[in-house]
C-alpha atoms as a PDB file:
ATOM      1  CA  MET A   1     169.241 148.271 -51.458  1.00  0.00           C
ATOM      2  CA  ARG A   2     170.881 151.221 -53.531  1.00  0.00           C
ATOM      3  CA  GLU A   3     167.553 151.654 -55.511  1.00  0.00           C
ATOM      4  CA  ALA A   4     165.510 151.739 -52.351  1.00  0.00           C
ATOM      5  CA  GLY A   5     167.860 154.473 -51.027  1.00  0.00           C
ATOM      6  CA  GLN A   6     167.596 156.346 -54.345  1.00  0.00           C
ATOM      7  CA  ARG A   7     163.888 155.872 -54.121  1.00  0.00           C
ATOM      8  CA  ILE A   8     163.416 157.681 -50.958  1.00  0.00           C
ATOM      9  CA  ALA A   9     166.113 160.340 -52.191  1.00  0.00           C
ATOM     10  CA  ARG A  10     168.433 159.301 -49.201  1.00  0.00           C
ATOM     11  CA  PRO A  11     171.151 156.937 -50.702  1.00  0.00           C
ATOM     12  CA  LEU A  12     173.061 155.090 -48.118  1.00  0.00           C
ATOM     13  CA  ASP A  13     176.883 155.177 -47.782  1.00  0.00           C
ATOM     14  CA  GLU A  14     178.624 151.823 -48.552  1.00  0.00           C
ATOM     15  CA  SER A  15     179.059 150.654 -44.958  1.00  0.00           C
ATOM     16  CA  ARG A  16     175.440 151.161 -44.143  1.00  0.00           C
ATOM     17  CA  GLU A  17     174.223 149.538 -47.296  1.00  0.00           C
ATOM     18  CA  HIS A  18     176.429 146.508 -46.657  1.00  0.00           C
ATOM     19  CA  TYR A  19     175.274 146.211 -43.126  1.00  0.00           C
ATOM     20  CA  LEU A  20     171.446 146.273 -44.262  1.00  0.00           C
ATOM     21  CA  VAL A  21     172.400 143.495 -46.962  1.00  0.00           C
ATOM     22  CA  PHE A  22     174.145 141.365 -43.961  1.00  0.00           C
ATOM     23  CA  VAL A  23     170.920 141.874 -41.817  1.00  0.00           C
ATOM     24  CA  LEU A  24     168.812 140.592 -44.397  1.00  0.00           C
ATOM     25  CA  LEU A  25     170.998 137.573 -45.372  1.00  0.00           C
ATOM     26  CA  ARG A  26     171.460 136.809 -41.596  1.00  0.00           C
ATOM     27  CA  PHE A  27     167.740 136.709 -40.786  1.00  0.00           C
ATOM     28  CA  GLN A  28     166.235 135.432 -44.193  1.00  0.00           C
ATOM     29  CA  ARG A  29     165.789 131.972 -42.557  1.00  0.00           C
ATOM     30  CA  ASP A  30     164.851 133.005 -39.008  1.00  0.00           C
ATOM     31  CA  ALA A  31     161.488 131.513 -38.638  1.00  0.00           C
ATOM     32  CA  HIS A  32     161.086 133.107 -34.963  1.00  0.00           C
ATOM     33  CA  LEU A  33     161.960 136.768 -35.765  1.00  0.00           C
ATOM     34  CA  LEU A  34     158.180 137.743 -35.887  1.00  0.00           C
ATOM     35  CA  SER A  35     157.210 135.912 -32.814  1.00  0.00           C
ATOM     36  CA  ARG A  36     160.278 136.960 -30.569  1.00  0.00           C
ATOM     37  CA  THR A  37     159.510 139.475 -28.069  1.00  0.00           C
ATOM     38  CA  GLN A  38     162.151 142.198 -28.673  1.00  0.00           C
ATOM     39  CA  ALA A  39     161.850 143.844 -25.226  1.00  0.00           C
ATOM     40  CA  LEU A  40     162.418 140.468 -23.519  1.00  0.00           C
ATOM     41  CA  ALA A  41     165.455 139.907 -25.771  1.00  0.00           C
ATOM     42  CA  TRP A  42     166.690 143.475 -24.853  1.00  0.00           C
ATOM     43  CA  LEU A  43     166.265 142.396 -21.081  1.00  0.00           C
ATOM     44  CA  HIS A  44     168.296 139.290 -21.556  1.00  0.00           C
ATOM     45  CA  ALA A  45     171.048 141.200 -23.067  1.00  0.00           C
ATOM     46  CA  GLN A  46     171.421 143.481 -20.147  1.00  0.00           C
ATOM     47  CA  ASP A  47     172.374 140.357 -18.054  1.00  0.00           C
ATOM     48  CA  GLN A  48     175.366 139.493 -20.336  1.00  0.00           C
ATOM     49  CA  ILE A  49     178.680 140.725 -20.489  1.00  0.00           C
ATOM     50  CA  GLY A  50     181.195 141.538 -23.025  1.00  0.00           C
ATOM     51  CA  SER A  51     180.839 140.325 -26.663  1.00  0.00           C
ATOM     52  CA  VAL A  52     177.817 138.240 -25.725  1.00  0.00           C
ATOM     53  CA  ARG A  53     176.125 141.228 -24.526  1.00  0.00           C
ATOM     54  CA  ALA A  54     177.101 143.216 -27.631  1.00  0.00           C
ATOM     55  CA  ASP A  55     175.965 140.447 -29.933  1.00  0.00           C
ATOM     56  CA  ALA A  56     172.364 140.102 -28.168  1.00  0.00           C
ATOM     57  CA  LEU A  57     172.083 143.865 -28.358  1.00  0.00           C
ATOM     58  CA  ARG A  58     172.965 143.746 -32.025  1.00  0.00           C
ATOM     59  CA  ASP A  59     170.437 141.113 -32.533  1.00  0.00           C
ATOM     60  CA  VAL A  60     167.752 143.175 -30.904  1.00  0.00           C
ATOM     61  CA  GLY A  61     168.621 146.352 -33.012  1.00  0.00           C
ATOM     62  CA  ASP A  62     168.633 144.052 -36.213  1.00  0.00           C
ATOM     63  CA  GLY A  63     165.327 142.384 -35.348  1.00  0.00           C
ATOM     64  CA  CYS A  64     163.498 145.707 -34.455  1.00  0.00           C
ATOM     65  CA  LEU A  65     165.078 147.226 -37.722  1.00  0.00           C
ATOM     66  CA  LEU A  66     163.501 144.434 -39.896  1.00  0.00           C
ATOM     67  CA  ILE A  67     160.133 144.512 -37.939  1.00  0.00           C
ATOM     68  CA  ALA A  68     159.890 148.398 -38.259  1.00  0.00           C
ATOM     69  CA  GLY A  69     161.017 148.522 -41.896  1.00  0.00           C
ATOM     70  CA  LEU A  70     159.552 145.380 -43.396  1.00  0.00           C
ATOM     71  CA  PHE A  71     156.895 144.112 -41.187  1.00  0.00           C
ATOM     72  CA  PRO A  72     155.119 147.101 -39.541  1.00  0.00           C
ATOM     73  CA  GLY A  73     151.950 145.022 -39.484  1.00  0.00           C
ATOM     74  CA  VAL A  74     153.644 142.927 -36.701  1.00  0.00           C
ATOM     75  CA  ALA A  75     153.638 146.248 -34.576  1.00  0.00           C
ATOM     76  CA  GLN A  76     150.115 146.696 -35.262  1.00  0.00           C
ATOM     77  CA  ARG A  77     149.045 143.358 -34.316  1.00  0.00           C
ATOM     78  CA  ARG A  78     150.840 143.803 -30.827  1.00  0.00           C
ATOM     79  CA  ARG A  79     149.060 147.156 -30.444  1.00  0.00           C
ATOM     80  CA  LEU A  80     152.494 148.910 -30.596  1.00  0.00           C
ATOM     81  CA  SER A  81     153.717 151.532 -32.609  1.00  0.00           C
ATOM     82  CA  VAL A  82     156.595 151.246 -35.255  1.00  0.00           C
ATOM     83  CA  ASP A  83     158.314 154.093 -33.302  1.00  0.00           C
ATOM     84  CA  TYR A  84     158.311 151.681 -30.299  1.00  0.00           C
ATOM     85  CA  PHE A  85     160.401 149.344 -32.515  1.00  0.00           C
ATOM     86  CA  ILE A  86     162.642 152.311 -33.709  1.00  0.00           C
ATOM     87  CA  ASP A  87     163.391 153.557 -30.215  1.00  0.00           C
ATOM     88  CA  LEU A  88     164.270 149.993 -28.890  1.00  0.00           C
ATOM     89  CA  GLY A  89     166.263 149.151 -32.025  1.00  0.00           C
ATOM     90  CA  ARG A  90     168.219 152.546 -31.774  1.00  0.00           C
ATOM     91  CA  GLY A  91     168.876 152.181 -28.121  1.00  0.00           C
ATOM     92  CA  ALA A  92     170.326 148.780 -28.573  1.00  0.00           C
ATOM     93  CA  TYR A  93     172.661 149.812 -31.420  1.00  0.00           C
ATOM     94  CA  SER A  94     173.564 152.945 -29.080  1.00  0.00           C
ATOM     95  CA  GLU A  95     174.711 150.358 -26.553  1.00  0.00           C
ATOM     96  CA  VAL A  96     176.621 148.233 -28.778  1.00  0.00           C
ATOM     97  CA  ALA A  97     178.483 151.415 -29.921  1.00  0.00           C
ATOM     98  CA  ASP A  98     179.234 152.218 -26.250  1.00  0.00           C
ATOM     99  CA  THR A  99     180.910 148.761 -25.725  1.00  0.00           C
ATOM    100  CA  ARG A 100     184.113 149.777 -27.382  1.00  0.00           C
ATOM    101  CA  CYS A 101     183.997 146.999 -29.815  1.00  0.00           C
ATOM    102  CA  SER A 102     185.994 147.136 -33.136  1.00  0.00           C
ATOM    103  CA  ASP A 103     182.697 148.120 -34.915  1.00  0.00           C
ATOM    104  CA  ALA A 104     181.690 150.822 -32.240  1.00  0.00           C
ATOM    105  CA  GLY A 105     181.761 153.688 -34.988  1.00  0.00           C
ATOM    106  CA  LEU A 106     179.406 151.619 -37.427  1.00  0.00           C
ATOM    107  CA  PHE A 107     177.128 150.998 -34.683  1.00  0.00           C
ATOM    108  CA  ALA A 108     176.996 154.663 -33.618  1.00  0.00           C
ATOM    109  CA  GLN A 109     176.331 155.558 -37.344  1.00  0.00           C
ATOM    110  CA  LEU A 110     173.543 153.033 -37.426  1.00  0.00           C
ATOM    111  CA  ALA A 111     171.982 154.326 -34.200  1.00  0.00           C
ATOM    112  CA  GLN A 112     172.194 157.841 -35.444  1.00  0.00           C
ATOM    113  CA  SER A 113     170.436 157.073 -38.900  1.00  0.00           C
ATOM    114  CA  TYR A 114     168.258 154.259 -37.541  1.00  0.00           C
ATOM    115  CA  ARG A 115     164.873 155.941 -38.889  1.00  0.00           C
ATOM    116  CA  GLU A 116     166.477 156.329 -42.228  1.00  0.00           C
ATOM    117  CA  LEU A 117     167.573 152.593 -42.281  1.00  0.00           C
ATOM    118  CA  VAL A 118     163.885 151.767 -41.693  1.00  0.00           C
ATOM    119  CA  ARG A 119     162.686 154.139 -44.490  1.00  0.00           C
ATOM    120  CA  VAL A 120     165.108 152.216 -46.881  1.00  0.00           C
ATOM    121  CA  LEU A 121     163.831 148.806 -45.922  1.00  0.00           C
ATOM    122  CA  ALA A 122     160.245 150.053 -46.180  1.00  0.00           C
ATOM    123  CA  ALA A 123     161.148 151.330 -49.589  1.00  0.00           C
ATOM    124  CA  LEU A 124     161.901 147.542 -50.654  1.00  0.00           C
ATOM    125  CA  ARG A 125     158.397 146.385 -49.727  1.00  0.00           C
ATOM    126  CA  THR A 126     155.906 146.137 -52.496  1.00  0.00           C
ATOM    127  CA  PRO A 127     152.918 145.016 -50.276  1.00  0.00           C
ATOM    128  CA  ARG A 128     150.718 143.663 -53.252  1.00  0.00           C
ATOM    129  CA  ASP A 129     153.671 141.080 -54.072  1.00  0.00           C
ATOM    130  CA  TRP A 130     153.891 139.574 -50.694  1.00  0.00           C
ATOM    131  CA  GLN A 131     152.227 136.423 -49.776  1.00  0.00           C
ATOM    132  CA  PRO A 132     152.299 134.689 -46.250  1.00  0.00           C
ATOM    133  CA  GLY A 133     154.736 131.781 -46.108  1.00  0.00           C
ATOM    134  CA  PRO A 134     155.349 129.045 -43.644  1.00  0.00           C
ATOM    135  CA  GLY A 135     155.703 130.321 -40.095  1.00  0.00           C
ATOM    136  CA  GLY A 136     154.143 133.870 -41.027  1.00  0.00           C
ATOM    137  CA  ILE A 137     157.383 134.839 -42.952  1.00  0.00           C
ATOM    138  CA  LEU A 138     156.310 136.854 -46.051  1.00  0.00           C
ATOM    139  CA  HIS A 139     157.856 136.041 -49.290  1.00  0.00           C
ATOM    140  CA  ALA A 140     157.427 137.297 -52.922  1.00  0.00           C
END
């Protein structure tokens, strides 16, 4: 993660770097990430309350972050722009920040720097090394 931030001349602070690693670890075995409709997940989150809502919005923000940064081809196949996922994900993180949870400050920071986080994830990609795996998940 650190090298990717340096590659784009925008190294991340420790909290954002750790959060990106957490997101990658959490979603590494999610076979449904690329097939999930993030806008529907966002709508579902709007019907929730409290920590359930915050967790659902966090998942939307995380999923959009991974799609925009690591799998931009998913957006193209759905005839959507990467900016669509950036805007949806940034908005989801902003809503988490507004819930006054203990991590509100972190999510405000993540929302504010969302495009930068996408660029760092994109810098991790080396397209020629990726192969389609089971369920459409790409692996080295």
